[in-house]
Every structure is written in structure tokens, then in C-alpha cells.
């Protein structure tokens, strides 16, 4: 289960945060953009309300970067070691964070709910048979639990 409080931070320790409560959803994204940005086969991101991410030490630098959608994203990085901690995407902007699960102190405590953009996954990546996987994106109502959808509706109302 992905409930509880999770602490995390950058490599050098300048940026520390806690993520309080369960994420809305956890994606393992296999898109080529995530592969390029992480230098890995896929990125694991926990989407959560920004107010549930508490800054414990210092503030990250926010950098506007391009994205596959053409709408861009804002990546929060440590100004010292440059580790990416989370991203904000245009739909909900600063109201949500896509926290890089690898920056958690115990990253194994949060597993993906779904693998997305598997049409561009590396051929040697074997997906677990008990986790949802889709070629591109998906219908949230078909994947997310009711509680997460309720939280999303609140965020969408706040975003206007």
C-alpha cells in the first residue's frame, strides 16, 4: 500500500521533503521523453496534491522544460546536485506534483499502479503481469480508485 508519510530528497541532502498520504496514482512511464530525461528505461512518478508535499529543508529550483505534449513542464531540481525531485504539468500546474519515486528514502515502498506509454518501452523491460499496462495513456475512471478520483475532482475545481 502507498499510504503513510514518505520522506525524500536530493542526493546532496540540500532539499528534503515529506509526501503525506497516498498518491493519487503512481505511473511507470515508458515514453521516450521520460527515458531521455531520466537516462533510464522508464520513470516512476507518484502524482499527489502539492499541499501534501512538505518542504523540510531548502527550496528546489523550478525549471521550465519542454515535454512531448508541447505544453512543457516545470521540473523541481536541487540547485546544488541538480537531481530532479518532481514535475508540474500544465493541466493542474502547481496544484499537483509528480514526485520522482526514486528520490524517496524508501523508493521500494511505492510501486507503480500502471505502466504507461509501453508502446515505446525498451524491449528488454519485462512488465509484471499483475500491474496494469497500456500502450499510451488511459481513462482515469477505469484505473483510479474512487477516493483518488474524488481528490482529482477537487483539484480540477480549484484549477478552474
C-alpha atoms as a PDB file:
ATOM      1  CA  UNK A   1       0.000   0.000   0.000  1.00  0.00           C
ATOM      2  CA  UNK A   2       1.164   3.507  -0.779  1.00  0.00           C
ATOM      3  CA  UNK A   3      -0.336   5.159   2.339  1.00  0.00           C
ATOM      4  CA  UNK A   4       1.531   6.991   5.064  1.00  0.00           C
ATOM      5  CA  UNK A   5       4.293   9.555   5.183  1.00  0.00           C
ATOM      6  CA  UNK A   6       7.258   9.152   2.882  1.00  0.00           C
ATOM      7  CA  UNK A   7      10.437  11.201   3.273  1.00  0.00           C
ATOM      8  CA  UNK A   8      12.742  12.005   0.406  1.00  0.00           C
ATOM      9  CA  UNK A   9      15.258  14.388  -1.021  1.00  0.00           C
ATOM     10  CA  UNK A  10      18.105  15.001  -3.375  1.00  0.00           C
ATOM     11  CA  UNK A  11      21.489  13.299  -3.412  1.00  0.00           C
ATOM     12  CA  UNK A  12      23.409  16.035  -1.586  1.00  0.00           C
ATOM     13  CA  UNK A  13      20.737  16.486   1.114  1.00  0.00           C
ATOM     14  CA  UNK A  14      20.095  20.181   0.480  1.00  0.00           C
ATOM     15  CA  UNK A  15      16.456  19.524  -0.500  1.00  0.00           C
ATOM     16  CA  UNK A  16      14.348  17.360   1.810  1.00  0.00           C
ATOM     17  CA  UNK A  17      10.597  16.793   1.679  1.00  0.00           C
ATOM     18  CA  UNK A  18       7.843  14.592   3.029  1.00  0.00           C
ATOM     19  CA  UNK A  19       4.993  13.232   0.946  1.00  0.00           C
ATOM     20  CA  UNK A  20       1.973  12.860   3.220  1.00  0.00           C
ATOM     21  CA  UNK A  21      -0.686  10.316   2.382  1.00  0.00           C
ATOM     22  CA  UNK A  22      -1.246   8.099  -0.604  1.00  0.00           C
ATOM     23  CA  UNK A  23      -0.533   9.365  -4.114  1.00  0.00           C
ATOM     24  CA  UNK A  24      -3.446   9.772  -6.493  1.00  0.00           C
ATOM     25  CA  UNK A  25      -1.704   7.343  -8.829  1.00  0.00           C
ATOM     26  CA  UNK A  26       1.794   6.034  -9.467  1.00  0.00           C
ATOM     27  CA  UNK A  27       2.894   5.810 -13.100  1.00  0.00           C
ATOM     28  CA  UNK A  28       5.780   3.898 -14.554  1.00  0.00           C
ATOM     29  CA  UNK A  29       6.157   5.965 -17.716  1.00  0.00           C
ATOM     30  CA  UNK A  30       7.980   4.370 -20.632  1.00  0.00           C
ATOM     31  CA  UNK A  31       7.674   7.322 -23.037  1.00  0.00           C
ATOM     32  CA  UNK A  32      10.846   8.323 -24.860  1.00  0.00           C
ATOM     33  CA  UNK A  33      10.798  11.749 -23.160  1.00  0.00           C
ATOM     34  CA  UNK A  34      10.960  10.180 -19.690  1.00  0.00           C
ATOM     35  CA  UNK A  35      13.651   7.804 -20.895  1.00  0.00           C
ATOM     36  CA  UNK A  36      15.734  10.741 -22.124  1.00  0.00           C
ATOM     37  CA  UNK A  37      15.168  12.943 -19.069  1.00  0.00           C
ATOM     38  CA  UNK A  38      15.999  10.206 -16.567  1.00  0.00           C
ATOM     39  CA  UNK A  39      18.626   8.348 -18.543  1.00  0.00           C
ATOM     40  CA  UNK A  40      16.728   5.190 -17.629  1.00  0.00           C
ATOM     41  CA  UNK A  41      14.283   2.767 -19.231  1.00  0.00           C
ATOM     42  CA  UNK A  42      11.325   4.459 -17.536  1.00  0.00           C
ATOM     43  CA  UNK A  43      10.391   6.975 -14.850  1.00  0.00           C
ATOM     44  CA  UNK A  44       8.307   6.174 -11.765  1.00  0.00           C
ATOM     45  CA  UNK A  45       6.251   9.200 -10.715  1.00  0.00           C
ATOM     46  CA  UNK A  46       3.792   9.476  -7.823  1.00  0.00           C
ATOM     47  CA  UNK A  47       1.100  12.061  -8.607  1.00  0.00           C
ATOM     48  CA  UNK A  48      -0.031  13.836  -5.441  1.00  0.00           C
ATOM     49  CA  UNK A  49      -1.547  17.139  -4.378  1.00  0.00           C
ATOM     50  CA  UNK A  50       1.158  19.794  -3.897  1.00  0.00           C
ATOM     51  CA  UNK A  51      -0.107  20.637  -0.413  1.00  0.00           C
ATOM     52  CA  UNK A  52       0.677  17.044   0.618  1.00  0.00           C
ATOM     53  CA  UNK A  53       4.359  17.590  -0.210  1.00  0.00           C
ATOM     54  CA  UNK A  54       6.007  19.458   2.667  1.00  0.00           C
ATOM     55  CA  UNK A  55       9.398  21.090   2.263  1.00  0.00           C
ATOM     56  CA  UNK A  56      11.650  20.174   5.186  1.00  0.00           C
ATOM     57  CA  UNK A  57      14.961  21.663   4.015  1.00  0.00           C
ATOM     58  CA  UNK A  58      15.574  24.424   1.449  1.00  0.00           C
ATOM     59  CA  UNK A  59      13.660  25.014  -1.780  1.00  0.00           C
ATOM     60  CA  UNK A  60      14.236  23.465  -5.194  1.00  0.00           C
ATOM     61  CA  UNK A  61      14.941  25.446  -8.325  1.00  0.00           C
ATOM     62  CA  UNK A  62      11.990  25.383 -10.761  1.00  0.00           C
ATOM     63  CA  UNK A  63      12.999  24.970 -14.394  1.00  0.00           C
ATOM     64  CA  UNK A  64      10.650  25.178 -17.379  1.00  0.00           C
ATOM     65  CA  UNK A  65      11.415  22.345 -19.790  1.00  0.00           C
ATOM     66  CA  UNK A  66       9.805  21.025 -22.970  1.00  0.00           C
ATOM     67  CA  UNK A  67       7.524  17.998 -22.983  1.00  0.00           C
ATOM     68  CA  UNK A  68       6.123  15.617 -25.570  1.00  0.00           C
ATOM     69  CA  UNK A  69       2.740  17.381 -25.461  1.00  0.00           C
ATOM     70  CA  UNK A  70       4.338  20.669 -26.483  1.00  0.00           C
ATOM     71  CA  UNK A  71       2.858  22.322 -23.371  1.00  0.00           C
ATOM     72  CA  UNK A  72       6.023  21.943 -21.314  1.00  0.00           C
ATOM     73  CA  UNK A  73       6.542  21.065 -17.687  1.00  0.00           C
ATOM     74  CA  UNK A  74       8.223  22.604 -14.671  1.00  0.00           C
ATOM     75  CA  UNK A  75      10.890  20.399 -13.099  1.00  0.00           C
ATOM     76  CA  UNK A  76      11.929  20.990  -9.481  1.00  0.00           C
ATOM     77  CA  UNK A  77      15.676  20.364  -9.123  1.00  0.00           C
ATOM     78  CA  UNK A  78      18.172  20.755  -6.337  1.00  0.00           C
ATOM     79  CA  UNK A  79      20.247  23.868  -7.121  1.00  0.00           C
ATOM     80  CA  UNK A  80      23.386  22.061  -5.924  1.00  0.00           C
ATOM     81  CA  UNK A  81      23.330  18.439  -7.135  1.00  0.00           C
ATOM     82  CA  UNK A  82      20.691  19.016  -9.880  1.00  0.00           C
ATOM     83  CA  UNK A  83      18.604  15.952  -9.002  1.00  0.00           C
ATOM     84  CA  UNK A  84      15.037  16.205 -10.329  1.00  0.00           C
ATOM     85  CA  UNK A  85      12.594  15.803  -7.430  1.00  0.00           C
ATOM     86  CA  UNK A  86       9.210  16.354  -9.087  1.00  0.00           C
ATOM     87  CA  UNK A  87       7.473  17.871 -12.078  1.00  0.00           C
ATOM     88  CA  UNK A  88       4.394  20.016 -12.526  1.00  0.00           C
ATOM     89  CA  UNK A  89       2.395  19.647 -15.740  1.00  0.00           C
ATOM     90  CA  UNK A  90       0.109  22.295 -17.283  1.00  0.00           C
ATOM     91  CA  UNK A  91      -3.320  20.752 -16.647  1.00  0.00           C
ATOM     92  CA  UNK A  92      -3.124  21.154 -12.871  1.00  0.00           C
ATOM     93  CA  UNK A  93       0.065  23.209 -12.715  1.00  0.00           C
ATOM     94  CA  UNK A  94       1.340  23.920  -9.228  1.00  0.00           C
ATOM     95  CA  UNK A  95      -1.626  22.110  -7.616  1.00  0.00           C
ATOM     96  CA  UNK A  96      -0.037  18.686  -8.164  1.00  0.00           C
ATOM     97  CA  UNK A  97       3.404  17.189  -8.159  1.00  0.00           C
ATOM     98  CA  UNK A  98       4.660  14.173  -9.999  1.00  0.00           C
ATOM     99  CA  UNK A  99       7.198  13.120  -7.382  1.00  0.00           C
ATOM    100  CA  UNK A 100      10.124  11.072  -8.657  1.00  0.00           C
ATOM    101  CA  UNK A 101       9.744   7.921  -6.584  1.00  0.00           C
ATOM    102  CA  UNK A 102      13.492   7.307  -6.817  1.00  0.00           C
ATOM    103  CA  UNK A 103      14.060  10.402  -4.648  1.00  0.00           C
ATOM    104  CA  UNK A 104      12.212   8.833  -1.707  1.00  0.00           C
ATOM    105  CA  UNK A 105      14.312   7.445   1.126  1.00  0.00           C
ATOM    106  CA  UNK A 106      12.469   4.138   0.682  1.00  0.00           C
ATOM    107  CA  UNK A 107      11.574   4.086  -3.016  1.00  0.00           C
ATOM    108  CA  UNK A 108      10.635   0.407  -2.872  1.00  0.00           C
ATOM    109  CA  UNK A 109       7.709   1.349  -0.612  1.00  0.00           C
ATOM    110  CA  UNK A 110       5.756   2.781  -3.560  1.00  0.00           C
ATOM    111  CA  UNK A 111       5.037   0.580  -6.554  1.00  0.00           C
ATOM    112  CA  UNK A 112       3.514   1.611  -9.891  1.00  0.00           C
ATOM    113  CA  UNK A 113      -0.256   1.343 -10.265  1.00  0.00           C
ATOM    114  CA  UNK A 114       0.053   1.340 -14.043  1.00  0.00           C
ATOM    115  CA  UNK A 115       2.720   1.247 -16.770  1.00  0.00           C
ATOM    116  CA  UNK A 116       2.029   3.888 -19.434  1.00  0.00           C
ATOM    117  CA  UNK A 117       3.377   4.505 -22.932  1.00  0.00           C
ATOM    118  CA  UNK A 118       4.509   0.903 -23.142  1.00  0.00           C
ATOM    119  CA  UNK A 119       4.468   1.162 -26.943  1.00  0.00           C
ATOM    120  CA  UNK A 120       7.913   2.774 -26.577  1.00  0.00           C
ATOM    121  CA  UNK A 121       9.234   0.663 -23.687  1.00  0.00           C
ATOM    122  CA  UNK A 122      12.659  -0.884 -24.102  1.00  0.00           C
ATOM    123  CA  UNK A 123      12.242  -4.420 -25.477  1.00  0.00           C
ATOM    124  CA  UNK A 124      14.216  -5.960 -22.608  1.00  0.00           C
ATOM    125  CA  UNK A 125      11.888  -4.478 -19.937  1.00  0.00           C
ATOM    126  CA  UNK A 126       9.515  -7.196 -18.730  1.00  0.00           C
ATOM    127  CA  UNK A 127       6.295  -5.830 -17.274  1.00  0.00           C
ATOM    128  CA  UNK A 128       4.772  -7.523 -14.232  1.00  0.00           C
ATOM    129  CA  UNK A 129       1.624  -9.409 -15.217  1.00  0.00           C
ATOM    130  CA  UNK A 130      -0.322  -8.207 -12.163  1.00  0.00           C
ATOM    131  CA  UNK A 131       0.072  -4.448 -12.881  1.00  0.00           C
ATOM    132  CA  UNK A 132      -1.998  -2.591 -15.476  1.00  0.00           C
ATOM    133  CA  UNK A 133      -0.152  -1.597 -18.652  1.00  0.00           C
ATOM    134  CA  UNK A 134      -1.309   0.486 -21.607  1.00  0.00           C
ATOM    135  CA  UNK A 135       0.311   1.398 -24.941  1.00  0.00           C
ATOM    136  CA  UNK A 136      -0.197   5.166 -24.452  1.00  0.00           C
ATOM    137  CA  UNK A 137      -2.323   6.968 -21.858  1.00  0.00           C
ATOM    138  CA  UNK A 138      -5.567   5.737 -20.297  1.00  0.00           C
ATOM    139  CA  UNK A 139      -9.004   6.598 -18.940  1.00  0.00           C
ATOM    140  CA  UNK A 140      -8.529   7.588 -15.283  1.00  0.00           C
ATOM    141  CA  UNK A 141     -12.042   6.468 -14.341  1.00  0.00           C
ATOM    142  CA  UNK A 142     -11.156   2.943 -15.445  1.00  0.00           C
ATOM    143  CA  UNK A 143      -7.931   2.766 -13.415  1.00  0.00           C
ATOM    144  CA  UNK A 144      -8.002   5.091 -10.414  1.00  0.00           C
ATOM    145  CA  UNK A 145      -9.791   4.164  -7.171  1.00  0.00           C
ATOM    146  CA  UNK A 146     -12.890   6.207  -6.278  1.00  0.00           C
ATOM    147  CA  UNK A 147     -11.084   8.082  -3.480  1.00  0.00           C
ATOM    148  CA  UNK A 148      -8.375   9.275  -5.872  1.00  0.00           C
ATOM    149  CA  UNK A 149     -10.989  10.357  -8.434  1.00  0.00           C
ATOM    150  CA  UNK A 150     -12.758  12.370  -5.711  1.00  0.00           C
ATOM    151  CA  UNK A 151      -9.473  14.083  -4.831  1.00  0.00           C
ATOM    152  CA  UNK A 152      -8.865  14.793  -8.531  1.00  0.00           C
ATOM    153  CA  UNK A 153     -12.316  16.403  -8.873  1.00  0.00           C
ATOM    154  CA  UNK A 154     -11.414  18.786  -6.027  1.00  0.00           C
ATOM    155  CA  UNK A 155      -8.154  19.684  -7.778  1.00  0.00           C
ATOM    156  CA  UNK A 156      -9.890  20.249 -11.131  1.00  0.00           C
ATOM    157  CA  UNK A 157     -12.438  22.537  -9.473  1.00  0.00           C
ATOM    158  CA  UNK A 158      -9.633  24.521  -7.859  1.00  0.00           C
ATOM    159  CA  UNK A 159      -7.810  24.762 -11.197  1.00  0.00           C
ATOM    160  CA  UNK A 160     -10.939  26.195 -12.846  1.00  0.00           C
END
